[in-house]
Amino acid sequence: MWAVIPVLLLLATDYTTEGMKALEDRKYQEAASLFAKAVAADPGDYAANFHLALSYSLLDKPAAEVH
């Protein structure tokens, strides 16, 4: 059972990494969605919070309109 947990962690989506790729590709809506998932998974992730706010800014919309 315990051997399965590390494998599952490797298979989990890294929302922050995927969000960074979306930002680089100028897919701001996708980036905002991915960073929102990263923040939901770990509200203390300051980098994800920053990049979520950056994504909202690049969309030129308030956060309430993005969701």
PDB file of N, CA and C in Angstrom:
ATOM      1  N   MET A   1       0.823  -1.203   0.000  1.00  0.00           N
ATOM      2  CA  MET A   1       0.000   0.000   0.000  1.00  0.00           C
ATOM      3  C   MET A   1       0.859   1.256   0.000  1.00  0.00           C
ATOM      4  N   TRP A   2       1.855   1.317   0.874  1.00  0.00           N
ATOM      5  CA  TRP A   2       2.687   2.517   0.992  1.00  0.00           C
ATOM      6  C   TRP A   2       3.523   2.758  -0.252  1.00  0.00           C
ATOM      7  N   ALA A   3       3.823   1.702  -0.984  1.00  0.00           N
ATOM      8  CA  ALA A   3       4.617   1.859  -2.210  1.00  0.00           C
ATOM      9  C   ALA A   3       3.818   2.561  -3.295  1.00  0.00           C
ATOM     10  N   VAL A   4       2.500   2.505  -3.218  1.00  0.00           N
ATOM     11  CA  VAL A   4       1.642   3.106  -4.231  1.00  0.00           C
ATOM     12  C   VAL A   4       1.573   4.629  -4.071  1.00  0.00           C
ATOM     13  N   ILE A   5       1.672   5.121  -2.863  1.00  0.00           N
ATOM     14  CA  ILE A   5       1.517   6.552  -2.599  1.00  0.00           C
ATOM     15  C   ILE A   5       2.542   7.400  -3.361  1.00  0.00           C
ATOM     16  N   PRO A   6       3.841   7.070  -3.337  1.00  0.00           N
ATOM     17  CA  PRO A   6       4.781   7.893  -4.126  1.00  0.00           C
ATOM     18  C   PRO A   6       4.468   7.896  -5.617  1.00  0.00           C
ATOM     19  N   VAL A   7       4.007   6.773  -6.133  1.00  0.00           N
ATOM     20  CA  VAL A   7       3.649   6.708  -7.549  1.00  0.00           C
ATOM     21  C   VAL A   7       2.468   7.615  -7.838  1.00  0.00           C
ATOM     22  N   LEU A   8       1.485   7.625  -6.968  1.00  0.00           N
ATOM     23  CA  LEU A   8       0.325   8.494  -7.152  1.00  0.00           C
ATOM     24  C   LEU A   8       0.717   9.965  -7.077  1.00  0.00           C
ATOM     25  N   LEU A   9       1.664  10.294  -6.214  1.00  0.00           N
ATOM     26  CA  LEU A   9       2.119  11.675  -6.121  1.00  0.00           C
ATOM     27  C   LEU A   9       2.826  12.105  -7.403  1.00  0.00           C
ATOM     28  N   LEU A  10       3.551  11.194  -8.020  1.00  0.00           N
ATOM     29  CA  LEU A  10       4.222  11.510  -9.284  1.00  0.00           C
ATOM     30  C   LEU A  10       3.218  11.712 -10.411  1.00  0.00           C
ATOM     31  N   LEU A  11       2.087  11.030 -10.343  1.00  0.00           N
ATOM     32  CA  LEU A  11       1.070  11.130 -11.378  1.00  0.00           C
ATOM     33  C   LEU A  11       0.166  12.342 -11.199  1.00  0.00           C
ATOM     34  N   ALA A  12       0.184  12.931 -10.013  1.00  0.00           N
ATOM     35  CA  ALA A  12      -0.663  14.091  -9.735  1.00  0.00           C
ATOM     36  C   ALA A  12      -0.233  15.270 -10.603  1.00  0.00           C
ATOM     37  N   THR A  13      -1.207  16.039 -11.019  1.00  0.00           N
ATOM     38  CA  THR A  13      -0.924  17.204 -11.839  1.00  0.00           C
ATOM     39  C   THR A  13      -0.238  18.274 -11.003  1.00  0.00           C
ATOM     40  N   ASP A  14       0.834  18.813 -11.523  1.00  0.00           N
ATOM     41  CA  ASP A  14       1.507  19.928 -10.882  1.00  0.00           C
ATOM     42  C   ASP A  14       0.915  21.195 -11.487  1.00  0.00           C
ATOM     43  N   TYR A  15      -0.111  21.713 -10.832  1.00  0.00           N
ATOM     44  CA  TYR A  15      -0.857  22.854 -11.369  1.00  0.00           C
ATOM     45  C   TYR A  15       0.025  24.088 -11.562  1.00  0.00           C
ATOM     46  N   THR A  16       0.978  24.285 -10.662  1.00  0.00           N
ATOM     47  CA  THR A  16       1.840  25.458 -10.778  1.00  0.00           C
ATOM     48  C   THR A  16       2.720  25.364 -12.022  1.00  0.00           C
ATOM     49  N   THR A  17       3.304  24.210 -12.257  1.00  0.00           N
ATOM     50  CA  THR A  17       4.149  24.032 -13.443  1.00  0.00           C
ATOM     51  C   THR A  17       3.337  24.181 -14.717  1.00  0.00           C
ATOM     52  N   GLU A  18       2.163  23.568 -14.734  1.00  0.00           N
ATOM     53  CA  GLU A  18       1.299  23.682 -15.910  1.00  0.00           C
ATOM     54  C   GLU A  18       0.818  25.124 -16.103  1.00  0.00           C
ATOM     55  N   GLY A  19       0.556  25.805 -14.993  1.00  0.00           N
ATOM     56  CA  GLY A  19       0.148  27.205 -15.059  1.00  0.00           C
ATOM     57  C   GLY A  19       1.249  28.087 -15.622  1.00  0.00           C
ATOM     58  N   MET A  20       2.492  27.802 -15.234  1.00  0.00           N
ATOM     59  CA  MET A  20       3.620  28.567 -15.772  1.00  0.00           C
ATOM     60  C   MET A  20       3.744  28.359 -17.284  1.00  0.00           C
ATOM     61  N   LYS A  21       3.538  27.138 -17.739  1.00  0.00           N
ATOM     62  CA  LYS A  21       3.578  26.860 -19.178  1.00  0.00           C
ATOM     63  C   LYS A  21       2.474  27.636 -19.894  1.00  0.00           C
ATOM     64  N   ALA A  22       1.294  27.665 -19.301  1.00  0.00           N
ATOM     65  CA  ALA A  22       0.177  28.395 -19.903  1.00  0.00           C
ATOM     66  C   ALA A  22       0.481  29.893 -19.952  1.00  0.00           C
ATOM     67  N   LEU A  23       1.090  30.438 -18.895  1.00  0.00           N
ATOM     68  CA  LEU A  23       1.468  31.854 -18.904  1.00  0.00           C
ATOM     69  C   LEU A  23       2.465  32.136 -20.030  1.00  0.00           C
ATOM     70  N   GLU A  24       3.454  31.271 -20.159  1.00  0.00           N
ATOM     71  CA  GLU A  24       4.460  31.452 -21.209  1.00  0.00           C
ATOM     72  C   GLU A  24       3.838  31.415 -22.601  1.00  0.00           C
ATOM     73  N   ASP A  25       2.791  30.600 -22.746  1.00  0.00           N
ATOM     74  CA  ASP A  25       2.101  30.479 -24.032  1.00  0.00           C
ATOM     75  C   ASP A  25       1.006  31.532 -24.207  1.00  0.00           C
ATOM     76  N   ARG A  26       0.920  32.452 -23.243  1.00  0.00           N
ATOM     77  CA  ARG A  26      -0.079  33.526 -23.241  1.00  0.00           C
ATOM     78  C   ARG A  26      -1.515  33.009 -23.219  1.00  0.00           C
ATOM     79  N   LYS A  27      -1.710  31.881 -22.560  1.00  0.00           N
ATOM     80  CA  LYS A  27      -3.043  31.304 -22.361  1.00  0.00           C
ATOM     81  C   LYS A  27      -3.468  31.674 -20.938  1.00  0.00           C
ATOM     82  N   TYR A  28      -3.846  32.930 -20.786  1.00  0.00           N
ATOM     83  CA  TYR A  28      -4.063  33.477 -19.456  1.00  0.00           C
ATOM     84  C   TYR A  28      -5.268  32.875 -18.736  1.00  0.00           C
ATOM     85  N   GLN A  29      -6.328  32.585 -19.452  1.00  0.00           N
ATOM     86  CA  GLN A  29      -7.501  31.966 -18.811  1.00  0.00           C
ATOM     87  C   GLN A  29      -7.145  30.576 -18.276  1.00  0.00           C
ATOM     88  N   GLU A  30      -6.428  29.816 -19.085  1.00  0.00           N
ATOM     89  CA  GLU A  30      -5.989  28.480 -18.658  1.00  0.00           C
ATOM     90  C   GLU A  30      -5.047  28.590 -17.463  1.00  0.00           C
ATOM     91  N   ALA A  31      -4.140  29.559 -17.513  1.00  0.00           N
ATOM     92  CA  ALA A  31      -3.200  29.757 -16.410  1.00  0.00           C
ATOM     93  C   ALA A  31      -3.958  30.094 -15.123  1.00  0.00           C
ATOM     94  N   ALA A  32      -4.929  30.982 -15.217  1.00  0.00           N
ATOM     95  CA  ALA A  32      -5.709  31.366 -14.038  1.00  0.00           C
ATOM     96  C   ALA A  32      -6.417  30.153 -13.445  1.00  0.00           C
ATOM     97  N   SER A  33      -6.972  29.326 -14.290  1.00  0.00           N
ATOM     98  CA  SER A  33      -7.663  28.125 -13.819  1.00  0.00           C
ATOM     99  C   SER A  33      -6.693  27.172 -13.113  1.00  0.00           C
ATOM    100  N   LEU A  34      -5.526  26.975 -13.693  1.00  0.00           N
ATOM    101  CA  LEU A  34      -4.534  26.079 -13.092  1.00  0.00           C
ATOM    102  C   LEU A  34      -3.994  26.627 -11.781  1.00  0.00           C
ATOM    103  N   PHE A  35      -3.708  27.923 -11.748  1.00  0.00           N
ATOM    104  CA  PHE A  35      -3.217  28.509 -10.496  1.00  0.00           C
ATOM    105  C   PHE A  35      -4.302  28.505  -9.420  1.00  0.00           C
ATOM    106  N   ALA A  36      -5.551  28.664  -9.802  1.00  0.00           N
ATOM    107  CA  ALA A  36      -6.646  28.579  -8.825  1.00  0.00           C
ATOM    108  C   ALA A  36      -6.688  27.184  -8.206  1.00  0.00           C
ATOM    109  N   LYS A  37      -6.455  26.162  -9.010  1.00  0.00           N
ATOM    110  CA  LYS A  37      -6.408  24.785  -8.484  1.00  0.00           C
ATOM    111  C   LYS A  37      -5.214  24.607  -7.553  1.00  0.00           C
ATOM    112  N   ALA A  38      -4.079  25.203  -7.925  1.00  0.00           N
ATOM    113  CA  ALA A  38      -2.889  25.111  -7.071  1.00  0.00           C
ATOM    114  C   ALA A  38      -3.144  25.786  -5.729  1.00  0.00           C
ATOM    115  N   VAL A  39      -3.793  26.936  -5.748  1.00  0.00           N
ATOM    116  CA  VAL A  39      -4.100  27.660  -4.503  1.00  0.00           C
ATOM    117  C   VAL A  39      -5.114  26.877  -3.671  1.00  0.00           C
ATOM    118  N   ALA A  40      -6.085  26.264  -4.328  1.00  0.00           N
ATOM    119  CA  ALA A  40      -7.067  25.457  -3.592  1.00  0.00           C
ATOM    120  C   ALA A  40      -6.389  24.274  -2.903  1.00  0.00           C
ATOM    121  N   ALA A  41      -5.399  23.693  -3.570  1.00  0.00           N
ATOM    122  CA  ALA A  41      -4.689  22.550  -3.003  1.00  0.00           C
ATOM    123  C   ALA A  41      -3.770  22.976  -1.858  1.00  0.00           C
ATOM    124  N   ASP A  42      -3.198  24.181  -1.953  1.00  0.00           N
ATOM    125  CA  ASP A  42      -2.292  24.674  -0.922  1.00  0.00           C
ATOM    126  C   ASP A  42      -2.411  26.195  -0.829  1.00  0.00           C
ATOM    127  N   PRO A  43      -3.332  26.680   0.010  1.00  0.00           N
ATOM    128  CA  PRO A  43      -3.543  28.121   0.130  1.00  0.00           C
ATOM    129  C   PRO A  43      -2.293  28.895   0.564  1.00  0.00           C
ATOM    130  N   GLY A  44      -1.339  28.237   1.162  1.00  0.00           N
ATOM    131  CA  GLY A  44      -0.112  28.889   1.610  1.00  0.00           C
ATOM    132  C   GLY A  44       0.964  28.966   0.541  1.00  0.00           C
ATOM    133  N   ASP A  45       0.659  28.506  -0.643  1.00  0.00           N
ATOM    134  CA  ASP A  45       1.628  28.546  -1.752  1.00  0.00           C
ATOM    135  C   ASP A  45       1.638  29.963  -2.316  1.00  0.00           C
ATOM    136  N   TYR A  46       2.582  30.766  -1.834  1.00  0.00           N
ATOM    137  CA  TYR A  46       2.616  32.177  -2.207  1.00  0.00           C
ATOM    138  C   TYR A  46       2.925  32.381  -3.685  1.00  0.00           C
ATOM    139  N   ALA A  47       3.723  31.506  -4.267  1.00  0.00           N
ATOM    140  CA  ALA A  47       4.038  31.627  -5.700  1.00  0.00           C
ATOM    141  C   ALA A  47       2.778  31.406  -6.528  1.00  0.00           C
ATOM    142  N   ALA A  48       1.978  30.402  -6.168  1.00  0.00           N
ATOM    143  CA  ALA A  48       0.737  30.133  -6.899  1.00  0.00           C
ATOM    144  C   ALA A  48      -0.237  31.303  -6.740  1.00  0.00           C
ATOM    145  N   ASN A  49      -0.319  31.862  -5.537  1.00  0.00           N
ATOM    146  CA  ASN A  49      -1.184  33.028  -5.312  1.00  0.00           C
ATOM    147  C   ASN A  49      -0.740  34.214  -6.160  1.00  0.00           C
ATOM    148  N   PHE A  50       0.566  34.450  -6.210  1.00  0.00           N
ATOM    149  CA  PHE A  50       1.086  35.561  -7.007  1.00  0.00           C
ATOM    150  C   PHE A  50       0.769  35.366  -8.482  1.00  0.00           C
ATOM    151  N   HIS A  51       1.033  34.162  -8.978  1.00  0.00           N
ATOM    152  CA  HIS A  51       0.821  33.914 -10.401  1.00  0.00           C
ATOM    153  C   HIS A  51      -0.670  33.893 -10.753  1.00  0.00           C
ATOM    154  N   LEU A  52      -1.512  33.524  -9.810  1.00  0.00           N
ATOM    155  CA  LEU A  52      -2.954  33.608 -10.031  1.00  0.00           C
ATOM    156  C   LEU A  52      -3.348  35.076 -10.200  1.00  0.00           C
ATOM    157  N   ALA A  53      -2.855  35.925  -9.326  1.00  0.00           N
ATOM    158  CA  ALA A  53      -3.156  37.359  -9.437  1.00  0.00           C
ATOM    159  C   ALA A  53      -2.590  37.931 -10.730  1.00  0.00           C
ATOM    160  N   LEU A  54      -1.407  37.499 -11.115  1.00  0.00           N
ATOM    161  CA  LEU A  54      -0.812  37.951 -12.370  1.00  0.00           C
ATOM    162  C   LEU A  54      -1.673  37.531 -13.554  1.00  0.00           C
ATOM    163  N   SER A  55      -2.160  36.314 -13.532  1.00  0.00           N
ATOM    164  CA  SER A  55      -3.025  35.820 -14.617  1.00  0.00           C
ATOM    165  C   SER A  55      -4.286  36.663 -14.718  1.00  0.00           C
ATOM    166  N   TYR A  56      -4.886  36.976 -13.568  1.00  0.00           N
ATOM    167  CA  TYR A  56      -6.077  37.831 -13.568  1.00  0.00           C
ATOM    168  C   TYR A  56      -5.747  39.195 -14.156  1.00  0.00           C
ATOM    169  N   SER A  57      -4.598  39.735 -13.782  1.00  0.00           N
ATOM    170  CA  SER A  57      -4.179  41.034 -14.285  1.00  0.00           C
ATOM    171  C   SER A  57      -4.001  41.007 -15.805  1.00  0.00           C
ATOM    172  N   LEU A  58      -3.382  39.952 -16.305  1.00  0.00           N
ATOM    173  CA  LEU A  58      -3.158  39.835 -17.744  1.00  0.00           C
ATOM    174  C   LEU A  58      -4.463  39.635 -18.517  1.00  0.00           C
ATOM    175  N   LEU A  59      -5.467  39.096 -17.837  1.00  0.00           N
ATOM    176  CA  LEU A  59      -6.790  38.967 -18.451  1.00  0.00           C
ATOM    177  C   LEU A  59      -7.531  40.303 -18.437  1.00  0.00           C
ATOM    178  N   ASP A  60      -7.003  41.254 -17.657  1.00  0.00           N
ATOM    179  CA  ASP A  60      -7.591  42.584 -17.517  1.00  0.00           C
ATOM    180  C   ASP A  60      -9.028  42.504 -16.997  1.00  0.00           C
ATOM    181  N   LYS A  61      -9.223  41.577 -16.060  1.00  0.00           N
ATOM    182  CA  LYS A  61     -10.534  41.386 -15.460  1.00  0.00           C
ATOM    183  C   LYS A  61     -10.369  41.236 -13.955  1.00  0.00           C
ATOM    184  N   PRO A  62     -11.352  41.702 -13.192  1.00  0.00           N
ATOM    185  CA  PRO A  62     -11.343  41.427 -11.761  1.00  0.00           C
ATOM    186  C   PRO A  62     -11.509  39.913 -11.526  1.00  0.00           C
ATOM    187  N   ALA A  63     -11.008  39.435 -10.416  1.00  0.00           N
ATOM    188  CA  ALA A  63     -11.074  38.010 -10.113  1.00  0.00           C
ATOM    189  C   ALA A  63     -12.503  37.463 -10.153  1.00  0.00           C
ATOM    190  N   ALA A  64     -13.468  38.268  -9.738  1.00  0.00           N
ATOM    191  CA  ALA A  64     -14.866  37.825  -9.711  1.00  0.00           C
ATOM    192  C   ALA A  64     -15.383  37.494 -11.110  1.00  0.00           C
ATOM    193  N   GLU A  65     -14.856  38.133 -12.142  1.00  0.00           N
ATOM    194  CA  GLU A  65     -15.314  37.886 -13.508  1.00  0.00           C
ATOM    195  C   GLU A  65     -14.634  36.697 -14.150  1.00  0.00           C
ATOM    196  N   VAL A  66     -13.512  36.280 -13.629  1.00  0.00           N
ATOM    197  CA  VAL A  66     -12.705  35.230 -14.244  1.00  0.00           C
ATOM    198  C   VAL A  66     -13.271  33.850 -13.969  1.00  0.00           C
ATOM    199  N   HIS A  67     -13.777  33.649 -12.784  1.00  0.00           N
ATOM    200  CA  HIS A  67     -14.257  32.303 -12.410  1.00  0.00           C
ATOM    201  C   HIS A  67     -15.419  31.948 -13.223  1.00  0.00           C
TER     202      HIS A  67
END
